[in-house]
mmCIF file of all heavy atoms, coordinates in Angstrom:
data_MODEL
# 
_entry.id   MODEL 
# 
loop_
_atom_site.group_PDB 
_atom_site.id 
_atom_site.type_symbol 
_atom_site.label_atom_id 
_atom_site.label_alt_id 
_atom_site.label_comp_id 
_atom_site.label_asym_id 
_atom_site.label_entity_id 
_atom_site.label_seq_id 
_atom_site.pdbx_PDB_ins_code 
_atom_site.Cartn_x 
_atom_site.Cartn_y 
_atom_site.Cartn_z 
_atom_site.occupancy 
_atom_site.B_iso_or_equiv 
_atom_site.pdbx_formal_charge 
_atom_site.auth_seq_id 
_atom_site.auth_comp_id 
_atom_site.auth_asym_id 
_atom_site.auth_atom_id 
_atom_site.pdbx_PDB_model_num 
ATOM 1   N N   . ALA A 1 1  ? -36.938 6.599   19.319 1.00 0.00 ? 1  ALA A N   1 
ATOM 2   C CA  . ALA A 1 1  ? -35.864 7.313   19.980 1.00 0.00 ? 1  ALA A CA  1 
ATOM 3   C C   . ALA A 1 1  ? -34.641 6.425   20.151 1.00 0.00 ? 1  ALA A C   1 
ATOM 4   O O   . ALA A 1 1  ? -33.512 6.902   20.137 1.00 0.00 ? 1  ALA A O   1 
ATOM 5   C CB  . ALA A 1 1  ? -36.330 7.817   21.349 1.00 0.00 ? 1  ALA A CB  1 
ATOM 6   N N   . GLU A 1 2  ? -34.833 5.103   20.295 1.00 0.00 ? 2  GLU A N   1 
ATOM 7   C CA  . GLU A 1 2  ? -33.709 4.201   20.496 1.00 0.00 ? 2  GLU A CA  1 
ATOM 8   C C   . GLU A 1 2  ? -32.970 3.891   19.204 1.00 0.00 ? 2  GLU A C   1 
ATOM 9   O O   . GLU A 1 2  ? -31.842 3.452   19.228 1.00 0.00 ? 2  GLU A O   1 
ATOM 10  C CB  . GLU A 1 2  ? -34.212 2.892   21.112 1.00 0.00 ? 2  GLU A CB  1 
ATOM 11  C CG  . GLU A 1 2  ? -34.660 3.039   22.538 1.00 0.00 ? 2  GLU A CG  1 
ATOM 12  C CD  . GLU A 1 2  ? -35.215 1.745   23.101 1.00 0.00 ? 2  GLU A CD  1 
ATOM 13  O OE1 . GLU A 1 2  ? -35.118 0.711   22.421 1.00 0.00 ? 2  GLU A OE1 1 
ATOM 14  O OE2 . GLU A 1 2  ? -35.739 1.776   24.215 1.00 0.00 ? 2  GLU A OE2 1 
ATOM 15  N N   . THR A 1 3  ? -33.587 4.083   18.044 1.00 0.00 ? 3  THR A N   1 
ATOM 16  C CA  . THR A 1 3  ? -32.945 3.776   16.775 1.00 0.00 ? 3  THR A CA  1 
ATOM 17  C C   . THR A 1 3  ? -31.931 4.868   16.450 1.00 0.00 ? 3  THR A C   1 
ATOM 18  O O   . THR A 1 3  ? -32.296 6.002   16.161 1.00 0.00 ? 3  THR A O   1 
ATOM 19  C CB  . THR A 1 3  ? -33.997 3.707   15.651 1.00 0.00 ? 3  THR A CB  1 
ATOM 20  O OG1 . THR A 1 3  ? -35.018 2.815   16.041 1.00 0.00 ? 3  THR A OG1 1 
ATOM 21  C CG2 . THR A 1 3  ? -33.367 3.252   14.362 1.00 0.00 ? 3  THR A CG2 1 
ATOM 22  N N   . PRO A 1 4  ? -30.633 4.548   16.493 1.00 0.00 ? 4  PRO A N   1 
ATOM 23  C CA  . PRO A 1 4  ? -29.622 5.560   16.177 1.00 0.00 ? 4  PRO A CA  1 
ATOM 24  C C   . PRO A 1 4  ? -29.529 5.733   14.666 1.00 0.00 ? 4  PRO A C   1 
ATOM 25  O O   . PRO A 1 4  ? -29.803 4.820   13.900 1.00 0.00 ? 4  PRO A O   1 
ATOM 26  C CB  . PRO A 1 4  ? -28.335 4.962   16.736 1.00 0.00 ? 4  PRO A CB  1 
ATOM 27  C CG  . PRO A 1 4  ? -28.554 3.496   16.675 1.00 0.00 ? 4  PRO A CG  1 
ATOM 28  C CD  . PRO A 1 4  ? -30.029 3.297   16.891 1.00 0.00 ? 4  PRO A CD  1 
ATOM 29  N N   . SER A 1 5  ? -29.136 6.912   14.261 1.00 0.00 ? 5  SER A N   1 
ATOM 30  C CA  . SER A 1 5  ? -28.953 7.147   12.842 1.00 0.00 ? 5  SER A CA  1 
ATOM 31  C C   . SER A 1 5  ? -27.607 6.549   12.435 1.00 0.00 ? 5  SER A C   1 
ATOM 32  O O   . SER A 1 5  ? -26.570 6.865   13.020 1.00 0.00 ? 5  SER A O   1 
ATOM 33  C CB  . SER A 1 5  ? -29.004 8.641   12.535 1.00 0.00 ? 5  SER A CB  1 
ATOM 34  O OG  . SER A 1 5  ? -27.986 9.303   13.251 1.00 0.00 ? 5  SER A OG  1 
ATOM 35  N N   . SER A 1 6  ? -27.616 5.631   11.476 1.00 0.00 ? 6  SER A N   1 
ATOM 36  C CA  . SER A 1 6  ? -26.410 4.931   11.059 1.00 0.00 ? 6  SER A CA  1 
ATOM 37  C C   . SER A 1 6  ? -25.751 5.680   9.919  1.00 0.00 ? 6  SER A C   1 
ATOM 38  O O   . SER A 1 6  ? -26.404 6.170   9.012  1.00 0.00 ? 6  SER A O   1 
ATOM 39  C CB  . SER A 1 6  ? -26.757 3.515   10.595 1.00 0.00 ? 6  SER A CB  1 
ATOM 40  O OG  . SER A 1 6  ? -27.349 2.795   11.639 1.00 0.00 ? 6  SER A OG  1 
ATOM 41  N N   . SER A 1 7  ? -24.447 5.719   9.972  1.00 0.00 ? 7  SER A N   1 
ATOM 42  C CA  . SER A 1 7  ? -23.725 6.332   8.870  1.00 0.00 ? 7  SER A CA  1 
ATOM 43  C C   . SER A 1 7  ? -23.519 5.297   7.776  1.00 0.00 ? 7  SER A C   1 
ATOM 44  O O   . SER A 1 7  ? -23.713 4.097   7.985  1.00 0.00 ? 7  SER A O   1 
ATOM 45  C CB  . SER A 1 7  ? -22.374 6.859   9.358  1.00 0.00 ? 7  SER A CB  1 
ATOM 46  O OG  . SER A 1 7  ? -21.549 5.775   9.730  1.00 0.00 ? 7  SER A OG  1 
ATOM 47  N N   . LEU A 1 8  ? -23.130 5.747   6.625  1.00 0.00 ? 8  LEU A N   1 
ATOM 48  C CA  . LEU A 1 8  ? -22.948 4.862   5.485  1.00 0.00 ? 8  LEU A CA  1 
ATOM 49  C C   . LEU A 1 8  ? -21.849 3.843   5.743  1.00 0.00 ? 8  LEU A C   1 
ATOM 50  O O   . LEU A 1 8  ? -21.972 2.666   5.386  1.00 0.00 ? 8  LEU A O   1 
ATOM 51  C CB  . LEU A 1 8  ? -22.641 5.699   4.242  1.00 0.00 ? 8  LEU A CB  1 
ATOM 52  C CG  . LEU A 1 8  ? -22.625 4.970   2.907  1.00 0.00 ? 8  LEU A CG  1 
ATOM 53  C CD1 . LEU A 1 8  ? -23.978 4.331   2.659  1.00 0.00 ? 8  LEU A CD1 1 
ATOM 54  C CD2 . LEU A 1 8  ? -22.284 5.929   1.787  1.00 0.00 ? 8  LEU A CD2 1 
ATOM 55  N N   . SER A 1 9  ? -20.804 4.259   6.408  1.00 0.00 ? 9  SER A N   1 
ATOM 56  C CA  . SER A 1 9  ? -19.708 3.323   6.699  1.00 0.00 ? 9  SER A CA  1 
ATOM 57  C C   . SER A 1 9  ? -20.149 2.239   7.679  1.00 0.00 ? 9  SER A C   1 
ATOM 58  O O   . SER A 1 9  ? -19.723 1.085   7.570  1.00 0.00 ? 9  SER A O   1 
ATOM 59  C CB  . SER A 1 9  ? -18.494 4.073   7.242  1.00 0.00 ? 9  SER A CB  1 
ATOM 60  O OG  . SER A 1 9  ? -18.813 4.689   8.473  1.00 0.00 ? 9  SER A OG  1 
ATOM 61  N N   . ASP A 1 10 ? -21.023 2.590   8.627  1.00 0.00 ? 10 ASP A N   1 
ATOM 62  C CA  . ASP A 1 10 ? -21.543 1.583   9.553  1.00 0.00 ? 10 ASP A CA  1 
ATOM 63  C C   . ASP A 1 10 ? -22.397 0.549   8.817  1.00 0.00 ? 10 ASP A C   1 
ATOM 64  O O   . ASP A 1 10 ? -22.310 -0.652  9.101  1.00 0.00 ? 10 ASP A O   1 
ATOM 65  C CB  . ASP A 1 10 ? -22.378 2.231   10.660 1.00 0.00 ? 10 ASP A CB  1 
ATOM 66  C CG  . ASP A 1 10 ? -21.544 3.062   11.620 1.00 0.00 ? 10 ASP A CG  1 
ATOM 67  O OD1 . ASP A 1 10 ? -20.317 2.824   11.696 1.00 0.00 ? 10 ASP A OD1 1 
ATOM 68  O OD2 . ASP A 1 10 ? -22.133 3.933   12.294 1.00 0.00 ? 10 ASP A OD2 1 
ATOM 69  N N   . VAL A 1 11 ? -23.197 1.026   7.888  1.00 0.00 ? 11 VAL A N   1 
ATOM 70  C CA  . VAL A 1 11 ? -24.051 0.124   7.124  1.00 0.00 ? 11 VAL A CA  1 
ATOM 71  C C   . VAL A 1 11 ? -23.193 -0.836  6.296  1.00 0.00 ? 11 VAL A C   1 
ATOM 72  O O   . VAL A 1 11 ? -23.428 -2.048  6.280  1.00 0.00 ? 11 VAL A O   1 
ATOM 73  C CB  . VAL A 1 11 ? -25.018 0.911   6.218  1.00 0.00 ? 11 VAL A CB  1 
ATOM 74  C CG1 . VAL A 1 11 ? -25.759 -0.017  5.266  1.00 0.00 ? 11 VAL A CG1 1 
ATOM 75  C CG2 . VAL A 1 11 ? -25.995 1.716   7.050  1.00 0.00 ? 11 VAL A CG2 1 
ATOM 76  N N   . PHE A 1 12 ? -22.165 -0.285  5.629  1.00 0.00 ? 12 PHE A N   1 
ATOM 77  C CA  . PHE A 1 12 ? -21.294 -1.139  4.821  1.00 0.00 ? 12 PHE A CA  1 
ATOM 78  C C   . PHE A 1 12 ? -20.505 -2.120  5.684  1.00 0.00 ? 12 PHE A C   1 
ATOM 79  O O   . PHE A 1 12 ? -20.340 -3.283  5.319  1.00 0.00 ? 12 PHE A O   1 
ATOM 80  C CB  . PHE A 1 12 ? -20.327 -0.303  3.972  1.00 0.00 ? 12 PHE A CB  1 
ATOM 81  C CG  . PHE A 1 12 ? -20.941 0.167   2.689  1.00 0.00 ? 12 PHE A CG  1 
ATOM 82  C CD1 . PHE A 1 12 ? -21.009 1.514   2.401  1.00 0.00 ? 12 PHE A CD1 1 
ATOM 83  C CD2 . PHE A 1 12 ? -21.438 -0.746  1.764  1.00 0.00 ? 12 PHE A CD2 1 
ATOM 84  C CE1 . PHE A 1 12 ? -21.573 1.949   1.220  1.00 0.00 ? 12 PHE A CE1 1 
ATOM 85  C CE2 . PHE A 1 12 ? -21.994 -0.323  0.582  1.00 0.00 ? 12 PHE A CE2 1 
ATOM 86  C CZ  . PHE A 1 12 ? -22.070 1.028   0.301  1.00 0.00 ? 12 PHE A CZ  1 
ATOM 87  N N   . SER A 1 13 ? -20.018 -1.672  6.816  1.00 0.00 ? 13 SER A N   1 
ATOM 88  C CA  . SER A 1 13 ? -19.252 -2.583  7.672  1.00 0.00 ? 13 SER A CA  1 
ATOM 89  C C   . SER A 1 13 ? -20.147 -3.700  8.205  1.00 0.00 ? 13 SER A C   1 
ATOM 90  O O   . SER A 1 13 ? -19.733 -4.857  8.280  1.00 0.00 ? 13 SER A O   1 
ATOM 91  C CB  . SER A 1 13 ? -18.593 -1.821  8.828  1.00 0.00 ? 13 SER A CB  1 
ATOM 92  O OG  . SER A 1 13 ? -19.573 -1.292  9.694  1.00 0.00 ? 13 SER A OG  1 
ATOM 93  N N   . GLN A 1 14 ? -21.386 -3.374  8.550  1.00 0.00 ? 14 GLN A N   1 
ATOM 94  C CA  . GLN A 1 14 ? -22.318 -4.404  9.003  1.00 0.00 ? 14 GLN A CA  1 
ATOM 95  C C   . GLN A 1 14 ? -22.645 -5.373  7.861  1.00 0.00 ? 14 GLN A C   1 
ATOM 96  O O   . GLN A 1 14 ? -22.695 -6.591  8.062  1.00 0.00 ? 14 GLN A O   1 
ATOM 97  C CB  . GLN A 1 14 ? -23.606 -3.765  9.516  1.00 0.00 ? 14 GLN A CB  1 
ATOM 98  C CG  . GLN A 1 14 ? -24.571 -4.774  10.118 1.00 0.00 ? 14 GLN A CG  1 
ATOM 99  C CD  . GLN A 1 14 ? -25.823 -4.103  10.664 1.00 0.00 ? 14 GLN A CD  1 
ATOM 100 O OE1 . GLN A 1 14 ? -26.018 -2.911  10.505 1.00 0.00 ? 14 GLN A OE1 1 
ATOM 101 N NE2 . GLN A 1 14 ? -26.670 -4.897  11.294 1.00 0.00 ? 14 GLN A NE2 1 
ATOM 102 N N   . TYR A 1 15 ? -22.795 -4.841  6.659  1.00 0.00 ? 15 TYR A N   1 
ATOM 103 C CA  . TYR A 1 15 ? -23.070 -5.684  5.500  1.00 0.00 ? 15 TYR A CA  1 
ATOM 104 C C   . TYR A 1 15 ? -21.910 -6.641  5.244  1.00 0.00 ? 15 TYR A C   1 
ATOM 105 O O   . TYR A 1 15 ? -22.101 -7.838  5.053  1.00 0.00 ? 15 TYR A O   1 
ATOM 106 C CB  . TYR A 1 15 ? -23.334 -4.820  4.263  1.00 0.00 ? 15 TYR A CB  1 
ATOM 107 C CG  . TYR A 1 15 ? -23.425 -5.615  2.986  1.00 0.00 ? 15 TYR A CG  1 
ATOM 108 C CD1 . TYR A 1 15 ? -24.557 -6.370  2.700  1.00 0.00 ? 15 TYR A CD1 1 
ATOM 109 C CD2 . TYR A 1 15 ? -22.373 -5.623  2.075  1.00 0.00 ? 15 TYR A CD2 1 
ATOM 110 C CE1 . TYR A 1 15 ? -24.641 -7.104  1.535  1.00 0.00 ? 15 TYR A CE1 1 
ATOM 111 C CE2 . TYR A 1 15 ? -22.456 -6.357  0.911  1.00 0.00 ? 15 TYR A CE2 1 
ATOM 112 C CZ  . TYR A 1 15 ? -23.583 -7.092  0.637  1.00 0.00 ? 15 TYR A CZ  1 
ATOM 113 O OH  . TYR A 1 15 ? -23.662 -7.825  -0.506 1.00 0.00 ? 15 TYR A OH  1 
ATOM 114 N N   . PHE A 1 16 ? -20.681 -6.119  5.247  1.00 0.00 ? 16 PHE A N   1 
ATOM 115 C CA  . PHE A 1 16 ? -19.520 -6.966  4.990  1.00 0.00 ? 16 PHE A CA  1 
ATOM 116 C C   . PHE A 1 16 ? -19.305 -7.982  6.110  1.00 0.00 ? 16 PHE A C   1 
ATOM 117 O O   . PHE A 1 16 ? -18.861 -9.103  5.868  1.00 0.00 ? 16 PHE A O   1 
ATOM 118 C CB  . PHE A 1 16 ? -18.267 -6.119  4.772  1.00 0.00 ? 16 PHE A CB  1 
ATOM 119 C CG  . PHE A 1 16 ? -18.260 -5.421  3.448  1.00 0.00 ? 16 PHE A CG  1 
ATOM 120 C CD1 . PHE A 1 16 ? -18.098 -4.055  3.370  1.00 0.00 ? 16 PHE A CD1 1 
ATOM 121 C CD2 . PHE A 1 16 ? -18.444 -6.132  2.265  1.00 0.00 ? 16 PHE A CD2 1 
ATOM 122 C CE1 . PHE A 1 16 ? -18.098 -3.411  2.159  1.00 0.00 ? 16 PHE A CE1 1 
ATOM 123 C CE2 . PHE A 1 16 ? -18.444 -5.492  1.042  1.00 0.00 ? 16 PHE A CE2 1 
ATOM 124 C CZ  . PHE A 1 16 ? -18.274 -4.122  0.985  1.00 0.00 ? 16 PHE A CZ  1 
ATOM 125 N N   . GLN A 1 17 ? -19.641 -7.618  7.322  1.00 0.00 ? 17 GLN A N   1 
ATOM 126 C CA  . GLN A 1 17 ? -19.537 -8.561  8.429  1.00 0.00 ? 17 GLN A CA  1 
ATOM 127 C C   . GLN A 1 17 ? -20.538 -9.700  8.247  1.00 0.00 ? 17 GLN A C   1 
ATOM 128 O O   . GLN A 1 17 ? -20.212 -10.866 8.454  1.00 0.00 ? 17 GLN A O   1 
ATOM 129 C CB  . GLN A 1 17 ? -19.783 -7.850  9.758  1.00 0.00 ? 17 GLN A CB  1 
ATOM 130 C CG  . GLN A 1 17 ? -19.640 -8.759  10.961 1.00 0.00 ? 17 GLN A CG  1 
ATOM 131 C CD  . GLN A 1 17 ? -19.881 -8.024  12.260 1.00 0.00 ? 17 GLN A CD  1 
ATOM 132 O OE1 . GLN A 1 17 ? -20.202 -6.839  12.271 1.00 0.00 ? 17 GLN A OE1 1 
ATOM 133 N NE2 . GLN A 1 17 ? -19.735 -8.726  13.358 1.00 0.00 ? 17 GLN A NE2 1 
ATOM 134 N N   . THR A 1 18 ? -21.746 -9.355  7.826  1.00 0.00 ? 18 THR A N   1 
ATOM 135 C CA  . THR A 1 18 ? -22.765 -10.373 7.581  1.00 0.00 ? 18 THR A CA  1 
ATOM 136 C C   . THR A 1 18 ? -22.343 -11.300 6.449  1.00 0.00 ? 18 THR A C   1 
ATOM 137 O O   . THR A 1 18 ? -22.465 -12.526 6.559  1.00 0.00 ? 18 THR A O   1 
ATOM 138 C CB  . THR A 1 18 ? -24.110 -9.713  7.240  1.00 0.00 ? 18 THR A CB  1 
ATOM 139 O OG1 . THR A 1 18 ? -24.469 -8.810  8.283  1.00 0.00 ? 18 THR A OG1 1 
ATOM 140 C CG2 . THR A 1 18 ? -25.203 -10.746 7.044  1.00 0.00 ? 18 THR A CG2 1 
ATOM 141 N N   . VAL A 1 19 ? -21.828 -10.741 5.373  1.00 0.00 ? 19 VAL A N   1 
ATOM 142 C CA  . VAL A 1 19 ? -21.366 -11.552 4.247  1.00 0.00 ? 19 VAL A CA  1 
ATOM 143 C C   . VAL A 1 19 ? -20.208 -12.442 4.679  1.00 0.00 ? 19 VAL A C   1 
ATOM 144 O O   . VAL A 1 19 ? -20.138 -13.621 4.331  1.00 0.00 ? 19 VAL A O   1 
ATOM 145 C CB  . VAL A 1 19 ? -20.965 -10.662 3.051  1.00 0.00 ? 19 VAL A CB  1 
ATOM 146 C CG1 . VAL A 1 19 ? -20.249 -11.460 1.979  1.00 0.00 ? 19 VAL A CG1 1 
ATOM 147 C CG2 . VAL A 1 19 ? -22.189 -9.981  2.478  1.00 0.00 ? 19 VAL A CG2 1 
ATOM 148 N N   . SER A 1 20 ? -19.298 -11.888 5.474  1.00 0.00 ? 20 SER A N   1 
ATOM 149 C CA  . SER A 1 20 ? -18.159 -12.657 5.960  1.00 0.00 ? 20 SER A CA  1 
ATOM 150 C C   . SER A 1 20 ? -18.614 -13.824 6.828  1.00 0.00 ? 20 SER A C   1 
ATOM 151 O O   . SER A 1 20 ? -18.107 -14.947 6.701  1.00 0.00 ? 20 SER A O   1 
ATOM 152 C CB  . SER A 1 20 ? -17.232 -11.743 6.756  1.00 0.00 ? 20 SER A CB  1 
ATOM 153 O OG  . SER A 1 20 ? -16.224 -12.484 7.387  1.00 0.00 ? 20 SER A OG  1 
ATOM 154 N N   . GLU A 1 21 ? -19.563 -13.591 7.717  1.00 0.00 ? 21 GLU A N   1 
ATOM 155 C CA  . GLU A 1 21 ? -20.092 -14.667 8.556  1.00 0.00 ? 21 GLU A CA  1 
ATOM 156 C C   . GLU A 1 21 ? -20.773 -15.735 7.703  1.00 0.00 ? 21 GLU A C   1 
ATOM 157 O O   . GLU A 1 21 ? -20.627 -16.923 7.967  1.00 0.00 ? 21 GLU A O   1 
ATOM 158 C CB  . GLU A 1 21 ? -21.078 -14.106 9.578  1.00 0.00 ? 21 GLU A CB  1 
ATOM 159 C CG  . GLU A 1 21 ? -20.429 -13.310 10.682 1.00 0.00 ? 21 GLU A CG  1 
ATOM 160 C CD  . GLU A 1 21 ? -21.449 -12.689 11.622 1.00 0.00 ? 21 GLU A CD  1 
ATOM 161 O OE1 . GLU A 1 21 ? -22.665 -12.917 11.435 1.00 0.00 ? 21 GLU A OE1 1 
ATOM 162 O OE2 . GLU A 1 21 ? -21.021 -11.963 12.530 1.00 0.00 ? 21 GLU A OE2 1 
ATOM 163 N N   . TYR A 1 22 ? -21.493 -15.297 6.686  1.00 0.00 ? 22 TYR A N   1 
ATOM 164 C CA  . TYR A 1 22 ? -22.158 -16.261 5.806  1.00 0.00 ? 22 TYR A CA  1 
ATOM 165 C C   . TYR A 1 22 ? -21.141 -17.139 5.094  1.00 0.00 ? 22 TYR A C   1 
ATOM 166 O O   . TYR A 1 22 ? -21.285 -18.361 5.035  1.00 0.00 ? 22 TYR A O   1 
ATOM 167 C CB  . TYR A 1 22 ? -23.028 -15.530 4.781  1.00 0.00 ? 22 TYR A CB  1 
ATOM 168 C CG  . TYR A 1 22 ? -23.617 -16.445 3.737  1.00 0.00 ? 22 TYR A CG  1 
ATOM 169 C CD1 . TYR A 1 22 ? -24.699 -17.265 4.047  1.00 0.00 ? 22 TYR A CD1 1 
ATOM 170 C CD2 . TYR A 1 22 ? -23.088 -16.515 2.461  1.00 0.00 ? 22 TYR A CD2 1 
ATOM 171 C CE1 . TYR A 1 22 ? -25.246 -18.122 3.103  1.00 0.00 ? 22 TYR A CE1 1 
ATOM 172 C CE2 . TYR A 1 22 ? -23.620 -17.370 1.509  1.00 0.00 ? 22 TYR A CE2 1 
ATOM 173 C CZ  . TYR A 1 22 ? -24.692 -18.168 1.839  1.00 0.00 ? 22 TYR A CZ  1 
ATOM 174 O OH  . TYR A 1 22 ? -25.214 -19.012 0.904  1.00 0.00 ? 22 TYR A OH  1 
ATOM 175 N N   . LEU A 1 23 ? -20.095 -16.500 4.548  1.00 0.00 ? 23 LEU A N   1 
ATOM 176 C CA  . LEU A 1 23 ? -19.094 -17.259 3.810  1.00 0.00 ? 23 LEU A CA  1 
ATOM 177 C C   . LEU A 1 23 ? -18.284 -18.187 4.709  1.00 0.00 ? 23 LEU A C   1 
ATOM 178 O O   . LEU A 1 23 ? -17.863 -19.257 4.293  1.00 0.00 ? 23 LEU A O   1 
ATOM 179 C CB  . LEU A 1 23 ? -18.149 -16.300 3.073  1.00 0.00 ? 23 LEU A CB  1 
ATOM 180 C CG  . LEU A 1 23 ? -18.761 -15.527 1.914  1.00 0.00 ? 23 LEU A CG  1 
ATOM 181 C CD1 . LEU A 1 23 ? -17.763 -14.534 1.353  1.00 0.00 ? 23 LEU A CD1 1 
ATOM 182 C CD2 . LEU A 1 23 ? -19.246 -16.466 0.829  1.00 0.00 ? 23 LEU A CD2 1 
ATOM 183 N N   . SER A 1 24 ? -18.084 -17.799 5.956  1.00 0.00 ? 24 SER A N   1 
ATOM 184 C CA  . SER A 1 24 ? -17.255 -18.619 6.838  1.00 0.00 ? 24 SER A CA  1 
ATOM 185 C C   . SER A 1 24 ? -18.043 -19.684 7.594  1.00 0.00 ? 24 SER A C   1 
ATOM 186 O O   . SER A 1 24 ? -17.487 -20.725 7.949  1.00 0.00 ? 24 SER A O   1 
ATOM 187 C CB  . SER A 1 24 ? -16.520 -17.729 7.835  1.00 0.00 ? 24 SER A CB  1 
ATOM 188 O OG  . SER A 1 24 ? -17.434 -17.102 8.712  1.00 0.00 ? 24 SER A OG  1 
ATOM 189 N N   . LYS A 1 25 ? -19.334 -19.471 7.835  1.00 0.00 ? 25 LYS A N   1 
ATOM 190 C CA  . LYS A 1 25 ? -20.095 -20.413 8.663  1.00 0.00 ? 25 LYS A CA  1 
ATOM 191 C C   . LYS A 1 25 ? -21.179 -21.145 7.879  1.00 0.00 ? 25 LYS A C   1 
ATOM 192 O O   . LYS A 1 25 ? -21.227 -22.378 7.873  1.00 0.00 ? 25 LYS A O   1 
ATOM 193 C CB  . LYS A 1 25 ? -20.730 -19.683 9.848  1.00 0.00 ? 25 LYS A CB  1 
ATOM 194 C CG  . LYS A 1 25 ? -19.719 -19.138 10.825 1.00 0.00 ? 25 LYS A CG  1 
ATOM 195 C CD  . LYS A 1 25 ? -20.389 -18.394 11.950 1.00 0.00 ? 25 LYS A CD  1 
ATOM 196 C CE  . LYS A 1 25 ? -19.344 -17.780 12.873 1.00 0.00 ? 25 LYS A CE  1 
ATOM 197 N NZ  . LYS A 1 25 ? -19.959 -16.944 13.896 1.00 0.00 ? 25 LYS A NZ  1 
# 
């Protein structure tokens, strides 16, 4: 019940944020 349904844009934004953190840190 706590797991919200993620939209495609949320998934992509989280992916790009993760990649950005990897590249910067």
